[in-house]
Amino acid sequence: MSVLLVERDGATHTVRTFDNAHAPEEHHEHRYIGSAKQAPIVTHGSVNDAMHAVEIKLREGWSDIVRSWENTR
């Protein structure tokens, strides 16, 4: 599992989570609108490929993800 957290106003907020809780080959990306968890984007494939994609997405796009989340608060 990977989680993108942000600290705002002295509190920690979950912005995005990535997991494969249902099956090793089923990958979920959960967006949050404010503190409400949204239905996941579901992809399928190897765990290694999924985690590599998450790492790239977070390294290259974390600021856009956080900015999008901030617009929903």
C-alpha atoms as a PDB file:
ATOM      1  CA  MET A   1       0.000   0.000   0.000  1.00  0.00           C
ATOM      2  CA  SER A   2       1.128   3.520  -0.771  1.00  0.00           C
ATOM      3  CA  VAL A   3      -0.420   6.654   0.696  1.00  0.00           C
ATOM      4  CA  LEU A   4      -0.032  10.328  -0.188  1.00  0.00           C
ATOM      5  CA  LEU A   5      -0.557  12.470   2.907  1.00  0.00           C
ATOM      6  CA  VAL A   6      -0.494  16.236   3.294  1.00  0.00           C
ATOM      7  CA  GLU A   7      -0.351  18.389   6.414  1.00  0.00           C
ATOM      8  CA  ARG A   8      -2.661  21.393   6.416  1.00  0.00           C
ATOM      9  CA  ASP A   9      -3.812  23.552   9.322  1.00  0.00           C
ATOM     10  CA  GLY A  10      -2.017  21.324  11.839  1.00  0.00           C
ATOM     11  CA  ALA A  11      -3.770  18.131  10.679  1.00  0.00           C
ATOM     12  CA  THR A  12      -2.695  15.271   8.435  1.00  0.00           C
ATOM     13  CA  HIS A  13      -5.014  14.470   5.517  1.00  0.00           C
ATOM     14  CA  THR A  14      -5.103  11.465   3.201  1.00  0.00           C
ATOM     15  CA  VAL A  15      -5.062  12.647  -0.412  1.00  0.00           C
ATOM     16  CA  ARG A  16      -4.582   9.396  -2.367  1.00  0.00           C
ATOM     17  CA  THR A  17      -4.179   5.704  -1.528  1.00  0.00           C
ATOM     18  CA  PHE A  18      -2.999   2.825  -3.695  1.00  0.00           C
ATOM     19  CA  ASP A  19      -3.613  -0.800  -2.678  1.00  0.00           C
ATOM     20  CA  ASN A  20      -4.208  -4.355  -3.824  1.00  0.00           C
ATOM     21  CA  ALA A  21      -6.374  -5.377  -0.861  1.00  0.00           C
ATOM     22  CA  HIS A  22      -8.705  -7.682  -2.813  1.00  0.00           C
ATOM     23  CA  ALA A  23      -6.185  -9.668  -4.860  1.00  0.00           C
ATOM     24  CA  PRO A  24      -2.475  -9.422  -5.656  1.00  0.00           C
ATOM     25  CA  GLU A  25      -3.155  -8.657  -9.326  1.00  0.00           C
ATOM     26  CA  GLU A  26      -5.994  -6.142  -8.704  1.00  0.00           C
ATOM     27  CA  HIS A  27      -4.810  -2.603  -7.971  1.00  0.00           C
ATOM     28  CA  HIS A  28      -6.914   0.253  -6.577  1.00  0.00           C
ATOM     29  CA  GLU A  29      -6.238   3.963  -6.650  1.00  0.00           C
ATOM     30  CA  HIS A  30      -8.540   5.867  -4.281  1.00  0.00           C
ATOM     31  CA  ARG A  31      -8.949   9.621  -4.614  1.00  0.00           C
ATOM     32  CA  TYR A  32     -10.256  11.690  -1.736  1.00  0.00           C
ATOM     33  CA  ILE A  33     -12.596  14.652  -2.002  1.00  0.00           C
ATOM     34  CA  GLY A  34     -12.008  16.452   1.255  1.00  0.00           C
ATOM     35  CA  SER A  35     -11.954  13.508   3.670  1.00  0.00           C
ATOM     36  CA  ALA A  36     -14.393  11.355   1.661  1.00  0.00           C
ATOM     37  CA  LYS A  37     -12.862   8.318  -0.034  1.00  0.00           C
ATOM     38  CA  GLN A  38     -14.058   7.904  -3.619  1.00  0.00           C
ATOM     39  CA  ALA A  39     -14.689   4.745  -5.623  1.00  0.00           C
ATOM     40  CA  PRO A  40     -11.379   3.334  -6.851  1.00  0.00           C
ATOM     41  CA  ILE A  41      -9.808   3.337 -10.254  1.00  0.00           C
ATOM     42  CA  VAL A  42      -9.100  -0.374 -10.790  1.00  0.00           C
ATOM     43  CA  THR A  43      -6.283  -1.790 -12.903  1.00  0.00           C
ATOM     44  CA  HIS A  44      -4.911  -5.306 -13.274  1.00  0.00           C
ATOM     45  CA  GLY A  45      -1.361  -6.572 -13.625  1.00  0.00           C
ATOM     46  CA  SER A  46       1.688  -7.605 -11.685  1.00  0.00           C
ATOM     47  CA  VAL A  47       2.353  -6.120  -8.266  1.00  0.00           C
ATOM     48  CA  ASN A  48       5.831  -4.977  -9.342  1.00  0.00           C
ATOM     49  CA  ASP A  49       4.485  -3.144 -12.393  1.00  0.00           C
ATOM     50  CA  ALA A  50       1.734  -1.511 -10.340  1.00  0.00           C
ATOM     51  CA  MET A  51       4.083  -0.321  -7.595  1.00  0.00           C
ATOM     52  CA  HIS A  52       6.534   1.022 -10.169  1.00  0.00           C
ATOM     53  CA  ALA A  53       3.704   2.977 -11.827  1.00  0.00           C
ATOM     54  CA  VAL A  54       2.614   4.368  -8.437  1.00  0.00           C
ATOM     55  CA  GLU A  55       6.159   5.439  -7.610  1.00  0.00           C
ATOM     56  CA  ILE A  56       6.478   7.302 -10.911  1.00  0.00           C
ATOM     57  CA  LYS A  57       3.015   8.865 -10.564  1.00  0.00           C
ATOM     58  CA  LEU A  58       3.763  10.158  -7.068  1.00  0.00           C
ATOM     59  CA  ARG A  59       7.301  11.362  -7.835  1.00  0.00           C
ATOM     60  CA  GLU A  60       6.274  13.209 -10.973  1.00  0.00           C
ATOM     61  CA  GLY A  61       2.742  14.290 -10.148  1.00  0.00           C
ATOM     62  CA  TRP A  62       2.341  14.674  -6.393  1.00  0.00           C
ATOM     63  CA  SER A  63       1.970  18.446  -6.560  1.00  0.00           C
ATOM     64  CA  ASP A  64      -0.840  18.240  -9.151  1.00  0.00           C
ATOM     65  CA  ILE A  65      -2.565  15.537  -7.097  1.00  0.00           C
ATOM     66  CA  VAL A  66      -2.372  17.668  -3.939  1.00  0.00           C
ATOM     67  CA  ARG A  67      -3.531  20.779  -5.798  1.00  0.00           C
ATOM     68  CA  SER A  68      -6.530  18.872  -7.170  1.00  0.00           C
ATOM     69  CA  TRP A  69      -7.376  17.625  -3.658  1.00  0.00           C
ATOM     70  CA  GLU A  70      -7.039  21.141  -2.220  1.00  0.00           C
ATOM     71  CA  ASN A  71      -9.617  22.383  -4.742  1.00  0.00           C
ATOM     72  CA  THR A  72     -12.171  19.957  -3.215  1.00  0.00           C
ATOM     73  CA  ARG A  73     -11.796  21.129   0.385  1.00  0.00           C
END
